[in-house]
Amino acid sequence: MAIVIELDVQLAKRKMKSIELAAAIGITPQNLSILRSGRAKAIRFSTLEAICQHLSCQPGDILRYLDEPANT
């Protein structure tokens, strides 16, 4: 199972840099980088809400679930 972060796609659609988004939603560029790279273990709903509000998108536009087949 894997959750894929597609924040870069949303940023590219809006021609926005991650540092601009980080400043707009009040998190550090480093924390946003961890989220963008998929290395984050969790995300606060308040952060997800701020991202969605600023990018005018839905959580499903940023997060995608991939069901990986089981190894048999």
PDB file of N, CA and C in Angstrom:
ATOM      1  N   MET A   1       0.849  -1.173   0.000  1.00  0.00           N
ATOM      2  CA  MET A   1       0.000   0.000   0.000  1.00  0.00           C
ATOM      3  C   MET A   1       0.888   1.226   0.000  1.00  0.00           C
ATOM      4  N   ALA A   2       0.469   2.256  -0.727  1.00  0.00           N
ATOM      5  CA  ALA A   2       1.256   3.475  -0.789  1.00  0.00           C
ATOM      6  C   ALA A   2       0.350   4.680  -1.005  1.00  0.00           C
ATOM      7  N   ILE A   3       0.665   5.728  -0.290  1.00  0.00           N
ATOM      8  CA  ILE A   3       0.015   7.010  -0.515  1.00  0.00           C
ATOM      9  C   ILE A   3       1.002   7.850  -1.321  1.00  0.00           C
ATOM     10  N   VAL A   4       0.558   8.338  -2.457  1.00  0.00           N
ATOM     11  CA  VAL A   4       1.401   9.140  -3.332  1.00  0.00           C
ATOM     12  C   VAL A   4       1.000  10.601  -3.180  1.00  0.00           C
ATOM     13  N   ILE A   5       1.996  11.453  -2.985  1.00  0.00           N
ATOM     14  CA  ILE A   5       1.765  12.888  -2.851  1.00  0.00           C
ATOM     15  C   ILE A   5       1.941  13.522  -4.223  1.00  0.00           C
ATOM     16  N   GLU A   6       0.902  14.183  -4.700  1.00  0.00           N
ATOM     17  CA  GLU A   6       0.943  14.810  -6.016  1.00  0.00           C
ATOM     18  C   GLU A   6       0.883  16.334  -5.908  1.00  0.00           C
ATOM     19  N   LEU A   7       1.541  16.842  -4.886  1.00  0.00           N
ATOM     20  CA  LEU A   7       1.558  18.285  -4.671  1.00  0.00           C
ATOM     21  C   LEU A   7       2.296  19.002  -5.791  1.00  0.00           C
ATOM     22  N   ASP A   8       3.356  18.393  -6.317  1.00  0.00           N
ATOM     23  CA  ASP A   8       4.110  19.010  -7.411  1.00  0.00           C
ATOM     24  C   ASP A   8       3.234  19.236  -8.646  1.00  0.00           C
ATOM     25  N   VAL A   9       2.311  18.323  -8.886  1.00  0.00           N
ATOM     26  CA  VAL A   9       1.403  18.463 -10.028  1.00  0.00           C
ATOM     27  C   VAL A   9       0.537  19.710  -9.858  1.00  0.00           C
ATOM     28  N   GLN A  10       0.003  19.880  -8.656  1.00  0.00           N
ATOM     29  CA  GLN A  10      -0.853  21.038  -8.396  1.00  0.00           C
ATOM     30  C   GLN A  10      -0.065  22.345  -8.455  1.00  0.00           C
ATOM     31  N   LEU A  11       1.159  22.310  -7.962  1.00  0.00           N
ATOM     32  CA  LEU A  11       2.002  23.511  -8.039  1.00  0.00           C
ATOM     33  C   LEU A  11       2.322  23.852  -9.487  1.00  0.00           C
ATOM     34  N   ALA A  12       2.637  22.849 -10.296  1.00  0.00           N
ATOM     35  CA  ALA A  12       2.963  23.084 -11.700  1.00  0.00           C
ATOM     36  C   ALA A  12       1.760  23.652 -12.459  1.00  0.00           C
ATOM     37  N   LYS A  13       0.580  23.155 -12.166  1.00  0.00           N
ATOM     38  CA  LYS A  13      -0.636  23.659 -12.832  1.00  0.00           C
ATOM     39  C   LYS A  13      -0.829  25.144 -12.563  1.00  0.00           C
ATOM     40  N   ARG A  14      -0.373  25.594 -11.395  1.00  0.00           N
ATOM     41  CA  ARG A  14      -0.560  26.991 -10.998  1.00  0.00           C
ATOM     42  C   ARG A  14       0.708  27.824 -11.196  1.00  0.00           C
ATOM     43  N   LYS A  15       1.743  27.187 -11.757  1.00  0.00           N
ATOM     44  CA  LYS A  15       3.030  27.851 -11.976  1.00  0.00           C
ATOM     45  C   LYS A  15       3.508  28.529 -10.692  1.00  0.00           C
ATOM     46  N   MET A  16       3.443  27.764  -9.607  1.00  0.00           N
ATOM     47  CA  MET A  16       3.812  28.262  -8.287  1.00  0.00           C
ATOM     48  C   MET A  16       4.997  27.469  -7.769  1.00  0.00           C
ATOM     49  N   LYS A  17       5.889  28.142  -7.087  1.00  0.00           N
ATOM     50  CA  LYS A  17       7.036  27.485  -6.472  1.00  0.00           C
ATOM     51  C   LYS A  17       6.655  27.028  -5.075  1.00  0.00           C
ATOM     52  N   SER A  18       7.284  25.957  -4.631  1.00  0.00           N
ATOM     53  CA  SER A  18       6.974  25.421  -3.310  1.00  0.00           C
ATOM     54  C   SER A  18       7.291  26.414  -2.206  1.00  0.00           C
ATOM     55  N   ILE A  19       8.324  27.215  -2.390  1.00  0.00           N
ATOM     56  CA  ILE A  19       8.673  28.210  -1.366  1.00  0.00           C
ATOM     57  C   ILE A  19       7.560  29.254  -1.228  1.00  0.00           C
ATOM     58  N   GLU A  20       6.889  29.565  -2.328  1.00  0.00           N
ATOM     59  CA  GLU A  20       5.760  30.501  -2.284  1.00  0.00           C
ATOM     60  C   GLU A  20       4.596  29.896  -1.508  1.00  0.00           C
ATOM     61  N   LEU A  21       4.324  28.617  -1.756  1.00  0.00           N
ATOM     62  CA  LEU A  21       3.240  27.947  -1.042  1.00  0.00           C
ATOM     63  C   LEU A  21       3.559  27.847   0.441  1.00  0.00           C
ATOM     64  N   ALA A  22       4.794  27.485   0.764  1.00  0.00           N
ATOM     65  CA  ALA A  22       5.194  27.368   2.168  1.00  0.00           C
ATOM     66  C   ALA A  22       4.972  28.688   2.901  1.00  0.00           C
ATOM     67  N   ALA A  23       5.384  29.783   2.293  1.00  0.00           N
ATOM     68  CA  ALA A  23       5.204  31.097   2.916  1.00  0.00           C
ATOM     69  C   ALA A  23       3.727  31.443   3.060  1.00  0.00           C
ATOM     70  N   ALA A  24       2.938  31.104   2.048  1.00  0.00           N
ATOM     71  CA  ALA A  24       1.511  31.441   2.061  1.00  0.00           C
ATOM     72  C   ALA A  24       0.732  30.687   3.126  1.00  0.00           C
ATOM     73  N   ILE A  25       1.145  29.441   3.408  1.00  0.00           N
ATOM     74  CA  ILE A  25       0.385  28.645   4.378  1.00  0.00           C
ATOM     75  C   ILE A  25       1.044  28.579   5.746  1.00  0.00           C
ATOM     76  N   GLY A  26       2.229  29.195   5.875  1.00  0.00           N
ATOM     77  CA  GLY A  26       2.863  29.310   7.179  1.00  0.00           C
ATOM     78  C   GLY A  26       3.608  28.083   7.669  1.00  0.00           C
ATOM     79  N   ILE A  27       4.231  27.342   6.754  1.00  0.00           N
ATOM     80  CA  ILE A  27       5.096  26.240   7.173  1.00  0.00           C
ATOM     81  C   ILE A  27       6.482  26.479   6.571  1.00  0.00           C
ATOM     82  N   THR A  28       7.464  25.780   7.082  1.00  0.00           N
ATOM     83  CA  THR A  28       8.818  25.972   6.565  1.00  0.00           C
ATOM     84  C   THR A  28       8.967  25.288   5.214  1.00  0.00           C
ATOM     85  N   PRO A  29       9.823  25.835   4.369  1.00  0.00           N
ATOM     86  CA  PRO A  29      10.088  25.171   3.084  1.00  0.00           C
ATOM     87  C   PRO A  29      10.605  23.745   3.279  1.00  0.00           C
ATOM     88  N   GLN A  30      11.353  23.508   4.357  1.00  0.00           N
ATOM     89  CA  GLN A  30      11.870  22.168   4.625  1.00  0.00           C
ATOM     90  C   GLN A  30      10.738  21.189   4.904  1.00  0.00           C
ATOM     91  N   ASN A  31       9.758  21.609   5.709  1.00  0.00           N
ATOM     92  CA  ASN A  31       8.623  20.725   5.999  1.00  0.00           C
ATOM     93  C   ASN A  31       7.788  20.456   4.751  1.00  0.00           C
ATOM     94  N   LEU A  32       7.628  21.456   3.910  1.00  0.00           N
ATOM     95  CA  LEU A  32       6.889  21.250   2.665  1.00  0.00           C
ATOM     96  C   LEU A  32       7.663  20.302   1.751  1.00  0.00           C
ATOM     97  N   SER A  33       8.981  20.418   1.744  1.00  0.00           N
ATOM     98  CA  SER A  33       9.818  19.522   0.942  1.00  0.00           C
ATOM     99  C   SER A  33       9.673  18.072   1.395  1.00  0.00           C
ATOM    100  N   ILE A  34       9.616  17.855   2.698  1.00  0.00           N
ATOM    101  CA  ILE A  34       9.422  16.505   3.236  1.00  0.00           C
ATOM    102  C   ILE A  34       8.079  15.948   2.778  1.00  0.00           C
ATOM    103  N   LEU A  35       7.057  16.779   2.794  1.00  0.00           N
ATOM    104  CA  LEU A  35       5.732  16.357   2.337  1.00  0.00           C
ATOM    105  C   LEU A  35       5.753  16.060   0.839  1.00  0.00           C
ATOM    106  N   ARG A  36       6.332  16.950   0.053  1.00  0.00           N
ATOM    107  CA  ARG A  36       6.370  16.781  -1.406  1.00  0.00           C
ATOM    108  C   ARG A  36       7.111  15.522  -1.819  1.00  0.00           C
ATOM    109  N   SER A  37       8.156  15.181  -1.095  1.00  0.00           N
ATOM    110  CA  SER A  37       8.974  14.031  -1.459  1.00  0.00           C
ATOM    111  C   SER A  37       8.365  12.699  -1.026  1.00  0.00           C
ATOM    112  N   GLY A  38       7.295  12.752  -0.234  1.00  0.00           N
ATOM    113  CA  GLY A  38       6.666  11.521   0.230  1.00  0.00           C
ATOM    114  C   GLY A  38       7.332  10.935   1.456  1.00  0.00           C
ATOM    115  N   ARG A  39       8.240  11.675   2.077  1.00  0.00           N
ATOM    116  CA  ARG A  39       8.935  11.181   3.267  1.00  0.00           C
ATOM    117  C   ARG A  39       8.182  11.480   4.556  1.00  0.00           C
ATOM    118  N   ALA A  40       7.104  12.246   4.474  1.00  0.00           N
ATOM    119  CA  ALA A  40       6.332  12.591   5.674  1.00  0.00           C
ATOM    120  C   ALA A  40       5.594  11.366   6.191  1.00  0.00           C
ATOM    121  N   LYS A  41       5.574  11.199   7.488  1.00  0.00           N
ATOM    122  CA  LYS A  41       4.853  10.093   8.124  1.00  0.00           C
ATOM    123  C   LYS A  41       3.411  10.485   8.431  1.00  0.00           C
ATOM    124  N   ALA A  42       3.144  11.794   8.477  1.00  0.00           N
ATOM    125  CA  ALA A  42       1.804  12.284   8.809  1.00  0.00           C
ATOM    126  C   ALA A  42       1.662  13.702   8.275  1.00  0.00           C
ATOM    127  N   ILE A  43       0.423  14.155   8.179  1.00  0.00           N
ATOM    128  CA  ILE A  43       0.137  15.541   7.827  1.00  0.00           C
ATOM    129  C   ILE A  43      -1.032  16.002   8.692  1.00  0.00           C
ATOM    130  N   ARG A  44      -0.904  17.176   9.239  1.00  0.00           N
ATOM    131  CA  ARG A  44      -1.995  17.733  10.052  1.00  0.00           C
ATOM    132  C   ARG A  44      -3.137  18.138   9.120  1.00  0.00           C
ATOM    133  N   PHE A  45      -4.342  17.933   9.600  1.00  0.00           N
ATOM    134  CA  PHE A  45      -5.497  18.356   8.807  1.00  0.00           C
ATOM    135  C   PHE A  45      -5.466  19.857   8.568  1.00  0.00           C
ATOM    136  N   SER A  46      -4.972  20.621   9.524  1.00  0.00           N
ATOM    137  CA  SER A  46      -4.903  22.073   9.343  1.00  0.00           C
ATOM    138  C   SER A  46      -3.943  22.441   8.205  1.00  0.00           C
ATOM    139  N   THR A  47      -2.849  21.693   8.066  1.00  0.00           N
ATOM    140  CA  THR A  47      -1.910  21.928   6.967  1.00  0.00           C
ATOM    141  C   THR A  47      -2.538  21.531   5.638  1.00  0.00           C
ATOM    142  N   LEU A  48      -3.181  20.377   5.609  1.00  0.00           N
ATOM    143  CA  LEU A  48      -3.861  19.925   4.391  1.00  0.00           C
ATOM    144  C   LEU A  48      -4.954  20.917   3.988  1.00  0.00           C
ATOM    145  N   GLU A  49      -5.689  21.401   4.967  1.00  0.00           N
ATOM    146  CA  GLU A  49      -6.741  22.385   4.696  1.00  0.00           C
ATOM    147  C   GLU A  49      -6.145  23.668   4.117  1.00  0.00           C
ATOM    148  N   ALA A  50      -5.042  24.139   4.693  1.00  0.00           N
ATOM    149  CA  ALA A  50      -4.406  25.366   4.209  1.00  0.00           C
ATOM    150  C   ALA A  50      -3.898  25.196   2.780  1.00  0.00           C
ATOM    151  N   ILE A  51      -3.306  24.036   2.480  1.00  0.00           N
ATOM    152  CA  ILE A  51      -2.829  23.769   1.121  1.00  0.00           C
ATOM    153  C   ILE A  51      -4.003  23.779   0.150  1.00  0.00           C
ATOM    154  N   CYS A  52      -5.059  23.064   0.492  1.00  0.00           N
ATOM    155  CA  CYS A  52      -6.230  22.986  -0.394  1.00  0.00           C
ATOM    156  C   CYS A  52      -6.875  24.353  -0.576  1.00  0.00           C
ATOM    157  N   GLN A  53      -6.950  25.114   0.497  1.00  0.00           N
ATOM    158  CA  GLN A  53      -7.551  26.442   0.408  1.00  0.00           C
ATOM    159  C   GLN A  53      -6.720  27.343  -0.500  1.00  0.00           C
ATOM    160  N   HIS A  54      -5.409  27.324  -0.313  1.00  0.00           N
ATOM    161  CA  HIS A  54      -4.551  28.206  -1.104  1.00  0.00           C
ATOM    162  C   HIS A  54      -4.493  27.783  -2.577  1.00  0.00           C
ATOM    163  N   LEU A  55      -4.523  26.479  -2.839  1.00  0.00           N
ATOM    164  CA  LEU A  55      -4.449  25.994  -4.221  1.00  0.00           C
ATOM    165  C   LEU A  55      -5.829  25.795  -4.860  1.00  0.00           C
ATOM    166  N   SER A  56      -6.882  26.044  -4.085  1.00  0.00           N
ATOM    167  CA  SER A  56      -8.259  25.848  -4.571  1.00  0.00           C
ATOM    168  C   SER A  56      -8.427  24.444  -5.148  1.00  0.00           C
ATOM    169  N   CYS A  57      -8.104  23.448  -4.328  1.00  0.00           N
ATOM    170  CA  CYS A  57      -8.212  22.063  -4.768  1.00  0.00           C
ATOM    171  C   CYS A  57      -8.791  21.208  -3.647  1.00  0.00           C
ATOM    172  N   GLN A  58      -8.975  19.946  -3.915  1.00  0.00           N
ATOM    173  CA  GLN A  58      -9.488  18.991  -2.946  1.00  0.00           C
ATOM    174  C   GLN A  58      -8.336  18.118  -2.447  1.00  0.00           C
ATOM    175  N   PRO A  59      -8.463  17.532  -1.251  1.00  0.00           N
ATOM    176  CA  PRO A  59      -7.410  16.641  -0.759  1.00  0.00           C
ATOM    177  C   PRO A  59      -7.071  15.518  -1.747  1.00  0.00           C
ATOM    178  N   GLY A  60      -8.058  15.025  -2.456  1.00  0.00           N
ATOM    179  CA  GLY A  60      -7.832  13.971  -3.438  1.00  0.00           C
ATOM    180  C   GLY A  60      -7.005  14.419  -4.631  1.00  0.00           C
ATOM    181  N   ASP A  61      -6.882  15.734  -4.825  1.00  0.00           N
ATOM    182  CA  ASP A  61      -6.021  16.252  -5.887  1.00  0.00           C
ATOM    183  C   ASP A  61      -4.547  16.182  -5.477  1.00  0.00           C
ATOM    184  N   ILE A  62      -4.309  16.059  -4.172  1.00  0.00           N
ATOM    185  CA  ILE A  62      -2.951  16.062  -3.629  1.00  0.00           C
ATOM    186  C   ILE A  62      -2.514  14.667  -3.192  1.00  0.00           C
ATOM    187  N   LEU A  63      -3.445  13.901  -2.642  1.00  0.00           N
ATOM    188  CA  LEU A  63      -3.137  12.574  -2.112  1.00  0.00           C
ATOM    189  C   LEU A  63      -3.807  11.509  -2.972  1.00  0.00           C
ATOM    190  N   ARG A  64      -3.031  10.476  -3.310  1.00  0.00           N
ATOM    191  CA  ARG A  64      -3.579   9.374  -4.102  1.00  0.00           C
ATOM    192  C   ARG A  64      -3.144   8.066  -3.469  1.00  0.00           C
ATOM    193  N   TYR A  65      -4.043   7.113  -3.417  1.00  0.00           N
ATOM    194  CA  TYR A  65      -3.759   5.799  -2.846  1.00  0.00           C
ATOM    195  C   TYR A  65      -3.485   4.802  -3.953  1.00  0.00           C
ATOM    196  N   LEU A  66      -2.354   4.110  -3.844  1.00  0.00           N
ATOM    197  CA  LEU A  66      -2.024   3.029  -4.780  1.00  0.00           C
ATOM    198  C   LEU A  66      -2.049   1.723  -4.029  1.00  0.00           C
ATOM    199  N   ASP A  67      -2.825   0.790  -4.512  1.00  0.00           N
ATOM    200  CA  ASP A  67      -2.896  -0.517  -3.915  1.00  0.00           C
ATOM    201  C   ASP A  67      -1.884  -1.408  -4.610  1.00  0.00           C
ATOM    202  N   GLU A  68      -0.787  -1.682  -3.926  1.00  0.00           N
ATOM    203  CA  GLU A  68       0.259  -2.506  -4.508  1.00  0.00           C
ATOM    204  C   GLU A  68      -0.115  -3.974  -4.327  1.00  0.00           C
ATOM    205  N   PRO A  69       0.095  -4.794  -5.349  1.00  0.00           N
ATOM    206  CA  PRO A  69      -0.235  -6.222  -5.212  1.00  0.00           C
ATOM    207  C   PRO A  69       0.635  -6.887  -4.155  1.00  0.00           C
ATOM    208  N   ALA A  70       0.054  -7.843  -3.463  1.00  0.00           N
ATOM    209  CA  ALA A  70       0.787  -8.580  -2.423  1.00  0.00           C
ATOM    210  C   ALA A  70       1.786  -9.512  -3.062  1.00  0.00           C
ATOM    211  N   ASN A  71       2.931  -9.639  -2.446  1.00  0.00           N
ATOM    212  CA  ASN A  71       3.954 -10.566  -2.938  1.00  0.00           C
ATOM    213  C   ASN A  71       3.582 -11.988  -2.516  1.00  0.00           C
ATOM    214  N   THR A  72       3.446 -12.891  -3.478  1.00  0.00           N
ATOM    215  CA  THR A  72       3.082 -14.282  -3.150  1.00  0.00           C
ATOM    216  C   THR A  72       4.130 -15.243  -3.627  1.00  0.00           C
TER     217      THR A  72
END
